[in-house]
Amino acid sequence: MSRVCQLSGKKAMVGNNVSHSNKKTKRRFNINLIKKKFYIPSTGEWVTLKVTASTLKTIDKKGISEVMKIAKQKGLL
């Protein structure tokens, strides 16, 4: 599976390693991805999702049902 957050759609960015002599080589800035199980009270089932750490903070603030509803509107789920 690709390293993409299933709720926010975040993915790795590409940049450069820059040495002291200013040589540049390609590198990736990976996201902080966590595989986590969530309980959905409205349906009464458990769902396993790959989410970023920043999305976990959003889930704590808004709730999993609200975040999943927004993700469905964006077409991520």
C-alpha atoms as a PDB file:
ATOM      1  CA  MET A   1       0.000   0.000   0.000  1.00  0.00           C
ATOM      2  CA  SER A   2       1.093   3.544  -0.615  1.00  0.00           C
ATOM      3  CA  ARG A   3       2.102   5.845   2.194  1.00  0.00           C
ATOM      4  CA  VAL A   4      -0.934   8.138   2.053  1.00  0.00           C
ATOM      5  CA  CYS A   5      -3.203   9.225   4.908  1.00  0.00           C
ATOM      6  CA  GLN A   6      -6.666   7.766   4.287  1.00  0.00           C
ATOM      7  CA  LEU A   7      -8.494  10.655   5.977  1.00  0.00           C
ATOM      8  CA  SER A   8      -6.510  13.778   5.040  1.00  0.00           C
ATOM      9  CA  GLY A   9      -4.884  12.655   1.781  1.00  0.00           C
ATOM     10  CA  LYS A  10      -1.411  13.772   2.863  1.00  0.00           C
ATOM     11  CA  LYS A  11       1.519  12.095   1.115  1.00  0.00           C
ATOM     12  CA  ALA A  12       5.296  12.349   0.961  1.00  0.00           C
ATOM     13  CA  MET A  13       6.949  15.464  -0.464  1.00  0.00           C
ATOM     14  CA  VAL A  14      10.114  15.540  -2.584  1.00  0.00           C
ATOM     15  CA  GLY A  15      13.071  17.819  -1.926  1.00  0.00           C
ATOM     16  CA  ASN A  16      16.840  17.963  -1.947  1.00  0.00           C
ATOM     17  CA  ASN A  17      19.632  16.960   0.398  1.00  0.00           C
ATOM     18  CA  VAL A  18      22.043  19.897   0.255  1.00  0.00           C
ATOM     19  CA  SER A  19      25.657  19.217   1.193  1.00  0.00           C
ATOM     20  CA  HIS A  20      28.170  21.690   2.574  1.00  0.00           C
ATOM     21  CA  SER A  21      29.567  22.132  -0.966  1.00  0.00           C
ATOM     22  CA  ASN A  22      25.975  22.876  -2.132  1.00  0.00           C
ATOM     23  CA  LYS A  23      25.592  19.623  -4.120  1.00  0.00           C
ATOM     24  CA  LYS A  24      21.960  18.557  -4.320  1.00  0.00           C
ATOM     25  CA  THR A  25      20.597  14.997  -4.319  1.00  0.00           C
ATOM     26  CA  LYS A  26      16.924  14.012  -4.263  1.00  0.00           C
ATOM     27  CA  ARG A  27      15.242  12.912  -1.042  1.00  0.00           C
ATOM     28  CA  ARG A  28      11.737  12.296   0.302  1.00  0.00           C
ATOM     29  CA  PHE A  29      10.016  13.921   3.257  1.00  0.00           C
ATOM     30  CA  ASN A  30       7.825  11.034   4.488  1.00  0.00           C
ATOM     31  CA  ILE A  31       4.711  11.598   6.578  1.00  0.00           C
ATOM     32  CA  ASN A  32       4.302  10.288  10.133  1.00  0.00           C
ATOM     33  CA  LEU A  33       1.897   7.453   9.273  1.00  0.00           C
ATOM     34  CA  ILE A  34       0.228   5.310  11.958  1.00  0.00           C
ATOM     35  CA  LYS A  35      -2.002   2.246  11.480  1.00  0.00           C
ATOM     36  CA  LYS A  36      -4.848   2.529  14.014  1.00  0.00           C
ATOM     37  CA  LYS A  37      -8.222   0.939  14.757  1.00  0.00           C
ATOM     38  CA  PHE A  38     -11.193   3.249  15.380  1.00  0.00           C
ATOM     39  CA  TYR A  39     -14.634   2.423  16.771  1.00  0.00           C
ATOM     40  CA  ILE A  40     -17.496   4.042  14.834  1.00  0.00           C
ATOM     41  CA  PRO A  41     -20.395   4.424  17.294  1.00  0.00           C
ATOM     42  CA  SER A  42     -23.028   5.186  14.635  1.00  0.00           C
ATOM     43  CA  THR A  43     -22.457   1.870  12.819  1.00  0.00           C
ATOM     44  CA  GLY A  44     -21.141  -0.081  15.800  1.00  0.00           C
ATOM     45  CA  GLU A  45     -18.085  -1.429  13.977  1.00  0.00           C
ATOM     46  CA  TRP A  46     -14.293  -1.172  14.142  1.00  0.00           C
ATOM     47  CA  VAL A  47     -12.343   0.291  11.195  1.00  0.00           C
ATOM     48  CA  THR A  48      -8.576   0.086  10.652  1.00  0.00           C
ATOM     49  CA  LEU A  49      -7.107   3.179   8.961  1.00  0.00           C
ATOM     50  CA  LYS A  50      -3.651   4.497   8.108  1.00  0.00           C
ATOM     51  CA  VAL A  51      -3.607   8.091   9.382  1.00  0.00           C
ATOM     52  CA  THR A  52      -0.998  10.745  10.111  1.00  0.00           C
ATOM     53  CA  ALA A  53      -0.213  11.929  13.633  1.00  0.00           C
ATOM     54  CA  SER A  54      -1.664  15.362  12.815  1.00  0.00           C
ATOM     55  CA  THR A  55      -4.946  13.715  11.726  1.00  0.00           C
ATOM     56  CA  LEU A  56      -5.089  11.884  15.077  1.00  0.00           C
ATOM     57  CA  LYS A  57      -5.077  15.279  16.794  1.00  0.00           C
ATOM     58  CA  THR A  58      -7.948  16.379  14.542  1.00  0.00           C
ATOM     59  CA  ILE A  59      -9.881  13.193  15.402  1.00  0.00           C
ATOM     60  CA  ASP A  60      -9.406  13.911  19.117  1.00  0.00           C
ATOM     61  CA  LYS A  61     -10.768  17.422  18.580  1.00  0.00           C
ATOM     62  CA  LYS A  62     -13.696  16.796  16.179  1.00  0.00           C
ATOM     63  CA  GLY A  63     -14.451  13.071  16.556  1.00  0.00           C
ATOM     64  CA  ILE A  64     -14.005  10.193  14.130  1.00  0.00           C
ATOM     65  CA  SER A  65     -17.512  10.444  12.653  1.00  0.00           C
ATOM     66  CA  GLU A  66     -17.074  14.108  11.671  1.00  0.00           C
ATOM     67  CA  VAL A  67     -13.592  13.549  10.198  1.00  0.00           C
ATOM     68  CA  MET A  68     -14.807  10.555   8.154  1.00  0.00           C
ATOM     69  CA  LYS A  69     -17.751  12.595   6.875  1.00  0.00           C
ATOM     70  CA  ILE A  70     -15.369  15.342   5.671  1.00  0.00           C
ATOM     71  CA  ALA A  71     -13.088  12.733   4.049  1.00  0.00           C
ATOM     72  CA  LYS A  72     -16.064  11.247   2.157  1.00  0.00           C
ATOM     73  CA  GLN A  73     -17.015  14.719   0.885  1.00  0.00           C
ATOM     74  CA  LYS A  74     -13.439  15.206  -0.395  1.00  0.00           C
ATOM     75  CA  GLY A  75     -13.568  11.785  -2.086  1.00  0.00           C
ATOM     76  CA  LEU A  76     -10.824  10.214   0.040  1.00  0.00           C
ATOM     77  CA  LEU A  77     -12.960   7.353   1.412  1.00  0.00           C
END
